Amino acid sequence: MSYYVYILQSKKDGKFYTGCTKNLLKRLSEHMNSKVYSTKDRLPVQLIYYEFCLNQKDAYTREKYLKSAWGKRYIKSRLKNYLTG
């Protein structure tokens, strides 16, 4: 089974949300329709990054890393052109 690690950016406050799911399109729909507590007050959000993982353990390990200080630095470096305009 495949899993996705994804990052959303709130257009309201500019902050990031990092999550993990096995159905990316369904999860994005849940975010967009205010069904996710963590993002419902930060709408609209947009998908700015995602990674595909072959199993759940790898996906959750990657999600945990991306939420760490090192992971946040990695994302800022990876999306440097997007974030600076």
N, C-alpha and C. Protein backbone atom coordinates (compact mmCIF):
# COMPACT_ATOMS: atom_id res chain seq x y z
N MET A 1 0.84 -1.18 0.00
CA MET A 1 0.00 0.00 0.00
C MET A 1 0.89 1.24 0.00
N SER A 2 0.49 2.25 -0.70
CA SER A 2 1.28 3.48 -0.79
C SER A 2 0.75 4.54 0.17
N TYR A 3 1.65 5.43 0.55
CA TYR A 3 1.31 6.52 1.45
C TYR A 3 1.95 7.81 0.94
N TYR A 4 1.37 8.91 1.32
CA TYR A 4 1.89 10.22 0.95
C TYR A 4 2.15 11.05 2.20
N VAL A 5 3.23 11.78 2.16
CA VAL A 5 3.51 12.81 3.16
C VAL A 5 3.33 14.12 2.40
N TYR A 6 2.60 15.05 2.99
CA TYR A 6 2.28 16.26 2.24
C TYR A 6 2.41 17.50 3.13
N ILE A 7 2.58 18.63 2.46
CA ILE A 7 2.65 19.90 3.17
C ILE A 7 1.67 20.87 2.51
N LEU A 8 0.85 21.47 3.35
CA LEU A 8 -0.08 22.51 2.90
C LEU A 8 0.40 23.84 3.43
N GLN A 9 0.09 24.89 2.71
CA GLN A 9 0.36 26.23 3.20
C GLN A 9 -0.95 26.99 3.27
N SER A 10 -1.19 27.61 4.40
CA SER A 10 -2.39 28.41 4.58
C SER A 10 -2.23 29.72 3.83
N LYS A 11 -3.21 30.07 3.02
CA LYS A 11 -3.19 31.37 2.34
C LYS A 11 -3.62 32.47 3.31
N LYS A 12 -4.21 32.06 4.43
CA LYS A 12 -4.67 33.03 5.44
C LYS A 12 -3.51 33.53 6.29
N ASP A 13 -2.69 32.61 6.81
CA ASP A 13 -1.61 33.03 7.70
C ASP A 13 -0.21 32.64 7.21
N GLY A 14 -0.12 31.94 6.08
CA GLY A 14 1.17 31.57 5.50
C GLY A 14 1.86 30.39 6.17
N LYS A 15 1.26 29.84 7.22
CA LYS A 15 1.90 28.74 7.94
C LYS A 15 1.69 27.40 7.24
N PHE A 16 2.57 26.46 7.59
CA PHE A 16 2.54 25.13 6.99
C PHE A 16 1.80 24.13 7.86
N TYR A 17 1.24 23.13 7.22
CA TYR A 17 0.66 21.96 7.88
C TYR A 17 1.25 20.74 7.21
N THR A 18 1.81 19.82 7.97
CA THR A 18 2.40 18.60 7.44
C THR A 18 1.56 17.42 7.89
N GLY A 19 1.23 16.55 6.93
CA GLY A 19 0.40 15.40 7.25
C GLY A 19 0.81 14.18 6.45
N CYS A 20 0.12 13.08 6.72
CA CYS A 20 0.40 11.81 6.08
C CYS A 20 -0.94 11.12 5.78
N THR A 21 -1.05 10.48 4.63
CA THR A 21 -2.29 9.82 4.25
C THR A 21 -2.04 8.75 3.20
N LYS A 22 -2.97 7.82 3.06
CA LYS A 22 -2.85 6.86 1.97
C LYS A 22 -3.70 7.28 0.77
N ASN A 23 -4.56 8.27 0.93
CA ASN A 23 -5.37 8.77 -0.18
C ASN A 23 -5.25 10.30 -0.21
N LEU A 24 -4.31 10.79 -0.99
CA LEU A 24 -3.99 12.21 -0.99
C LEU A 24 -5.16 13.07 -1.47
N LEU A 25 -5.83 12.67 -2.54
CA LEU A 25 -6.93 13.47 -3.06
C LEU A 25 -8.09 13.57 -2.05
N LYS A 26 -8.42 12.46 -1.40
CA LYS A 26 -9.48 12.47 -0.40
C LYS A 26 -9.10 13.37 0.78
N ARG A 27 -7.86 13.26 1.21
CA ARG A 27 -7.40 14.06 2.35
C ARG A 27 -7.40 15.55 2.01
N LEU A 28 -6.98 15.90 0.81
CA LEU A 28 -7.01 17.30 0.40
C LEU A 28 -8.45 17.83 0.39
N SER A 29 -9.37 17.01 -0.08
CA SER A 29 -10.78 17.39 -0.08
C SER A 29 -11.27 17.64 1.34
N GLU A 30 -10.87 16.78 2.27
CA GLU A 30 -11.26 16.97 3.67
C GLU A 30 -10.72 18.29 4.22
N HIS A 31 -9.48 18.61 3.87
CA HIS A 31 -8.91 19.90 4.31
C HIS A 31 -9.71 21.05 3.71
N MET A 32 -9.96 21.00 2.43
CA MET A 32 -10.65 22.11 1.73
C MET A 32 -12.09 22.31 2.21
N ASN A 33 -12.70 21.24 2.72
CA ASN A 33 -14.09 21.31 3.16
C ASN A 33 -14.24 21.42 4.68
N SER A 34 -13.20 21.94 5.34
CA SER A 34 -13.21 22.22 6.79
C SER A 34 -13.47 20.99 7.66
N LYS A 35 -13.06 19.81 7.21
CA LYS A 35 -13.28 18.59 7.98
C LYS A 35 -12.05 18.18 8.80
N VAL A 36 -10.98 18.99 8.72
CA VAL A 36 -9.77 18.70 9.49
C VAL A 36 -9.61 19.82 10.52
N TYR A 37 -9.67 19.45 11.79
CA TYR A 37 -9.63 20.42 12.88
C TYR A 37 -8.42 21.35 12.79
N SER A 38 -7.26 20.79 12.47
CA SER A 38 -6.02 21.57 12.47
C SER A 38 -5.96 22.66 11.41
N THR A 39 -6.73 22.53 10.35
CA THR A 39 -6.65 23.52 9.27
C THR A 39 -7.96 24.26 9.00
N LYS A 40 -9.04 23.88 9.66
CA LYS A 40 -10.33 24.48 9.31
C LYS A 40 -10.39 25.99 9.53
N ASP A 41 -9.63 26.50 10.49
CA ASP A 41 -9.63 27.95 10.74
C ASP A 41 -8.52 28.66 9.96
N ARG A 42 -7.82 27.93 9.12
CA ARG A 42 -6.70 28.51 8.37
C ARG A 42 -6.93 28.46 6.86
N LEU A 43 -8.17 28.19 6.46
CA LEU A 43 -8.50 28.09 5.04
C LEU A 43 -8.48 29.45 4.38
N PRO A 44 -8.20 29.50 3.11
CA PRO A 44 -7.89 28.38 2.22
C PRO A 44 -6.44 27.91 2.38
N VAL A 45 -6.22 26.64 2.03
CA VAL A 45 -4.88 26.07 2.03
C VAL A 45 -4.57 25.55 0.63
N GLN A 46 -3.28 25.44 0.36
CA GLN A 46 -2.90 24.86 -0.93
C GLN A 46 -1.78 23.85 -0.72
N LEU A 47 -1.80 22.82 -1.52
CA LEU A 47 -0.76 21.80 -1.49
C LEU A 47 0.50 22.39 -2.11
N ILE A 48 1.60 22.38 -1.36
CA ILE A 48 2.83 22.94 -1.90
C ILE A 48 3.93 21.89 -2.06
N TYR A 49 3.72 20.70 -1.45
CA TYR A 49 4.76 19.68 -1.51
C TYR A 49 4.18 18.34 -1.09
N TYR A 50 4.62 17.27 -1.77
CA TYR A 50 4.27 15.94 -1.30
C TYR A 50 5.33 14.94 -1.72
N GLU A 51 5.39 13.85 -0.98
CA GLU A 51 6.31 12.75 -1.26
C GLU A 51 5.52 11.46 -1.22
N PHE A 52 5.91 10.51 -2.04
CA PHE A 52 5.30 9.19 -2.10
C PHE A 52 6.17 8.21 -1.34
N CYS A 53 5.57 7.39 -0.50
CA CYS A 53 6.30 6.37 0.25
C CYS A 53 5.67 5.00 -0.02
N LEU A 54 6.48 3.97 0.01
CA LEU A 54 6.00 2.63 -0.30
C LEU A 54 5.31 1.94 0.87
N ASN A 55 5.53 2.44 2.10
CA ASN A 55 4.84 1.82 3.23
C ASN A 55 4.57 2.86 4.32
N GLN A 56 3.69 2.49 5.23
CA GLN A 56 3.23 3.42 6.26
C GLN A 56 4.35 3.83 7.21
N LYS A 57 5.19 2.91 7.60
CA LYS A 57 6.25 3.23 8.55
C LYS A 57 7.20 4.29 7.98
N ASP A 58 7.59 4.13 6.72
CA ASP A 58 8.46 5.12 6.09
C ASP A 58 7.78 6.49 6.01
N ALA A 59 6.49 6.48 5.68
CA ALA A 59 5.75 7.74 5.56
C ALA A 59 5.67 8.47 6.89
N TYR A 60 5.35 7.74 7.96
CA TYR A 60 5.24 8.40 9.26
C TYR A 60 6.60 8.84 9.80
N THR A 61 7.64 8.09 9.47
CA THR A 61 8.99 8.51 9.85
C THR A 61 9.36 9.79 9.12
N ARG A 62 9.01 9.86 7.84
CA ARG A 62 9.31 11.06 7.04
C ARG A 62 8.49 12.26 7.54
N GLU A 63 7.24 12.03 7.87
CA GLU A 63 6.39 13.11 8.39
C GLU A 63 7.01 13.67 9.68
N LYS A 64 7.43 12.79 10.56
CA LYS A 64 8.04 13.23 11.82
C LYS A 64 9.29 14.06 11.54
N TYR A 65 10.11 13.62 10.58
CA TYR A 65 11.32 14.38 10.22
C TYR A 65 10.95 15.76 9.68
N LEU A 66 9.97 15.83 8.77
CA LEU A 66 9.61 17.11 8.16
C LEU A 66 9.03 18.09 9.18
N LYS A 67 8.51 17.58 10.29
CA LYS A 67 7.99 18.44 11.35
C LYS A 67 9.09 18.91 12.30
N SER A 68 10.28 18.31 12.20
CA SER A 68 11.40 18.69 13.07
C SER A 68 12.07 19.96 12.54
N ALA A 69 12.95 20.52 13.34
CA ALA A 69 13.69 21.72 12.91
C ALA A 69 14.50 21.43 11.65
N TRP A 70 15.16 20.26 11.60
CA TRP A 70 15.94 19.91 10.41
C TRP A 70 15.04 19.75 9.19
N GLY A 71 13.89 19.15 9.39
CA GLY A 71 12.96 18.95 8.29
C GLY A 71 12.40 20.26 7.77
N LYS A 72 12.12 21.17 8.66
CA LYS A 72 11.62 22.49 8.24
C LYS A 72 12.68 23.23 7.44
N ARG A 73 13.94 23.09 7.85
CA ARG A 73 15.03 23.70 7.07
C ARG A 73 15.12 23.07 5.69
N TYR A 74 14.97 21.75 5.64
CA TYR A 74 15.02 21.03 4.36
C TYR A 74 13.93 21.56 3.42
N ILE A 75 12.71 21.68 3.93
CA ILE A 75 11.60 22.14 3.09
C ILE A 75 11.84 23.57 2.62
N LYS A 76 12.30 24.42 3.50
CA LYS A 76 12.57 25.81 3.10
C LYS A 76 13.65 25.87 2.03
N SER A 77 14.63 25.00 2.12
CA SER A 77 15.67 24.94 1.10
C SER A 77 15.13 24.34 -0.20
N ARG A 78 14.35 23.28 -0.07
CA ARG A 78 13.78 22.59 -1.24
C ARG A 78 12.83 23.47 -2.02
N LEU A 79 12.07 24.31 -1.31
CA LEU A 79 11.08 25.18 -1.94
C LEU A 79 11.53 26.63 -1.98
N LYS A 80 12.83 26.84 -1.99
CA LYS A 80 13.40 28.19 -1.92
C LYS A 80 12.81 29.14 -2.96
N ASN A 81 12.76 28.72 -4.21
CA ASN A 81 12.23 29.59 -5.26
C ASN A 81 10.74 29.88 -5.07
N TYR A 82 9.98 28.89 -4.65
CA TYR A 82 8.54 29.08 -4.42
C TYR A 82 8.32 30.07 -3.27
N LEU A 83 9.06 29.89 -2.18
CA LEU A 83 8.83 30.70 -0.99
C LEU A 83 9.32 32.13 -1.15
N THR A 84 10.29 32.36 -2.00
CA THR A 84 10.81 33.72 -2.16
C THR A 84 10.15 34.45 -3.33
N GLY A 85 9.35 33.74 -4.10
CA GLY A 85 8.63 34.37 -5.20
C GLY A 85 9.42 34.38 -6.41
